[in-house]
């Protein structure tokens, strides 16, 4: 299979003009994509879909509730 994506990063743009690129591992990208409902069509990286804000907020509430219910040692 042909390699389509070379790397993935999270880019922070400060109000002072500074830019910081944080490299991400694939497992981190997978989690972010699940939370945001993000899908990227390959090989055309410009073609993507993302869930609306209300759906993402529902996912986050479910996540928070689930974390609270995890038994602690």
C-alpha atoms as a PDB file:
ATOM      1  CA  UNK A   1       0.000   0.000   0.000  1.00  0.00           C
ATOM      2  CA  UNK A   2       1.293   3.465  -0.900  1.00  0.00           C
ATOM      3  CA  UNK A   3       2.157   5.793   1.974  1.00  0.00           C
ATOM      4  CA  UNK A   4      -0.129   8.852   1.778  1.00  0.00           C
ATOM      5  CA  UNK A   5       0.527  10.707   5.044  1.00  0.00           C
ATOM      6  CA  UNK A   6       4.100  11.450   6.065  1.00  0.00           C
ATOM      7  CA  UNK A   7       3.416  12.977   9.479  1.00  0.00           C
ATOM      8  CA  UNK A   8       0.674  14.457  11.617  1.00  0.00           C
ATOM      9  CA  UNK A   9       1.043  17.427  13.925  1.00  0.00           C
ATOM     10  CA  UNK A  10      -0.922  19.756  16.122  1.00  0.00           C
ATOM     11  CA  UNK A  11      -0.088  23.367  15.276  1.00  0.00           C
ATOM     12  CA  UNK A  12      -0.467  26.091  17.895  1.00  0.00           C
ATOM     13  CA  UNK A  13      -0.620  29.712  16.709  1.00  0.00           C
ATOM     14  CA  UNK A  14       0.038  32.236  19.480  1.00  0.00           C
ATOM     15  CA  UNK A  15      -1.418  35.747  19.462  1.00  0.00           C
ATOM     16  CA  UNK A  16       2.190  36.964  19.481  1.00  0.00           C
ATOM     17  CA  UNK A  17       2.798  35.284  16.115  1.00  0.00           C
ATOM     18  CA  UNK A  18       4.737  32.317  17.475  1.00  0.00           C
ATOM     19  CA  UNK A  19       3.956  28.944  15.948  1.00  0.00           C
ATOM     20  CA  UNK A  20       4.601  25.603  17.648  1.00  0.00           C
ATOM     21  CA  UNK A  21       4.137  22.273  15.893  1.00  0.00           C
ATOM     22  CA  UNK A  22       3.618  19.288  18.194  1.00  0.00           C
ATOM     23  CA  UNK A  23       4.150  15.899  16.488  1.00  0.00           C
ATOM     24  CA  UNK A  24       1.433  13.368  17.245  1.00  0.00           C
ATOM     25  CA  UNK A  25       1.506   9.585  17.244  1.00  0.00           C
ATOM     26  CA  UNK A  26      -1.150   7.673  15.325  1.00  0.00           C
ATOM     27  CA  UNK A  27      -2.968   6.557  18.491  1.00  0.00           C
ATOM     28  CA  UNK A  28      -3.309  10.208  19.560  1.00  0.00           C
ATOM     29  CA  UNK A  29      -4.678  11.179  16.154  1.00  0.00           C
ATOM     30  CA  UNK A  30      -7.171   8.307  16.301  1.00  0.00           C
ATOM     31  CA  UNK A  31      -8.526   9.583  19.632  1.00  0.00           C
ATOM     32  CA  UNK A  32      -8.806  13.167  18.374  1.00  0.00           C
ATOM     33  CA  UNK A  33     -10.604  11.976  15.240  1.00  0.00           C
ATOM     34  CA  UNK A  34     -13.067   9.937  17.307  1.00  0.00           C
ATOM     35  CA  UNK A  35     -13.845  12.860  19.616  1.00  0.00           C
ATOM     36  CA  UNK A  36     -14.296  15.327  16.747  1.00  0.00           C
ATOM     37  CA  UNK A  37     -16.001  12.903  14.388  1.00  0.00           C
ATOM     38  CA  UNK A  38     -13.293  13.724  11.863  1.00  0.00           C
ATOM     39  CA  UNK A  39     -12.775  11.700   8.703  1.00  0.00           C
ATOM     40  CA  UNK A  40     -10.249  12.614   6.025  1.00  0.00           C
ATOM     41  CA  UNK A  41     -10.651  11.264   2.527  1.00  0.00           C
ATOM     42  CA  UNK A  42      -7.404   9.804   1.229  1.00  0.00           C
ATOM     43  CA  UNK A  43      -5.544  10.578  -1.016  1.00  0.00           C
ATOM     44  CA  UNK A  44      -7.281  13.979  -1.341  1.00  0.00           C
ATOM     45  CA  UNK A  45      -6.354  15.400   2.074  1.00  0.00           C
ATOM     46  CA  UNK A  46      -8.405  18.558   1.385  1.00  0.00           C
ATOM     47  CA  UNK A  47     -11.636  16.561   1.482  1.00  0.00           C
ATOM     48  CA  UNK A  48     -12.744  16.012   5.088  1.00  0.00           C
ATOM     49  CA  UNK A  49     -15.870  15.862   7.249  1.00  0.00           C
ATOM     50  CA  UNK A  50     -16.285  16.788  10.906  1.00  0.00           C
ATOM     51  CA  UNK A  51     -19.202  16.356  13.313  1.00  0.00           C
ATOM     52  CA  UNK A  52     -21.117  19.472  14.367  1.00  0.00           C
ATOM     53  CA  UNK A  53     -20.331  21.080  17.728  1.00  0.00           C
ATOM     54  CA  UNK A  54     -23.442  19.729  19.487  1.00  0.00           C
ATOM     55  CA  UNK A  55     -22.549  16.130  18.566  1.00  0.00           C
ATOM     56  CA  UNK A  56     -18.957  16.591  19.767  1.00  0.00           C
ATOM     57  CA  UNK A  57     -20.241  18.048  23.050  1.00  0.00           C
ATOM     58  CA  UNK A  58     -22.499  14.988  23.495  1.00  0.00           C
ATOM     59  CA  UNK A  59     -19.465  12.728  23.043  1.00  0.00           C
ATOM     60  CA  UNK A  60     -17.481  14.722  25.606  1.00  0.00           C
ATOM     61  CA  UNK A  61     -20.297  14.506  28.174  1.00  0.00           C
ATOM     62  CA  UNK A  62     -20.479  10.744  27.659  1.00  0.00           C
ATOM     63  CA  UNK A  63     -16.700  10.532  28.082  1.00  0.00           C
ATOM     64  CA  UNK A  64     -16.791  12.559  31.324  1.00  0.00           C
ATOM     65  CA  UNK A  65     -19.593  10.395  32.755  1.00  0.00           C
ATOM     66  CA  UNK A  66     -17.724   7.215  31.804  1.00  0.00           C
ATOM     67  CA  UNK A  67     -14.500   8.387  33.450  1.00  0.00           C
ATOM     68  CA  UNK A  68     -16.363   9.163  36.695  1.00  0.00           C
ATOM     69  CA  UNK A  69     -17.726   5.593  36.747  1.00  0.00           C
ATOM     70  CA  UNK A  70     -14.351   3.867  36.430  1.00  0.00           C
ATOM     71  CA  UNK A  71     -13.570   2.091  39.714  1.00  0.00           C
ATOM     72  CA  UNK A  72     -10.561   3.478  41.550  1.00  0.00           C
ATOM     73  CA  UNK A  73      -8.073   1.252  43.382  1.00  0.00           C
END
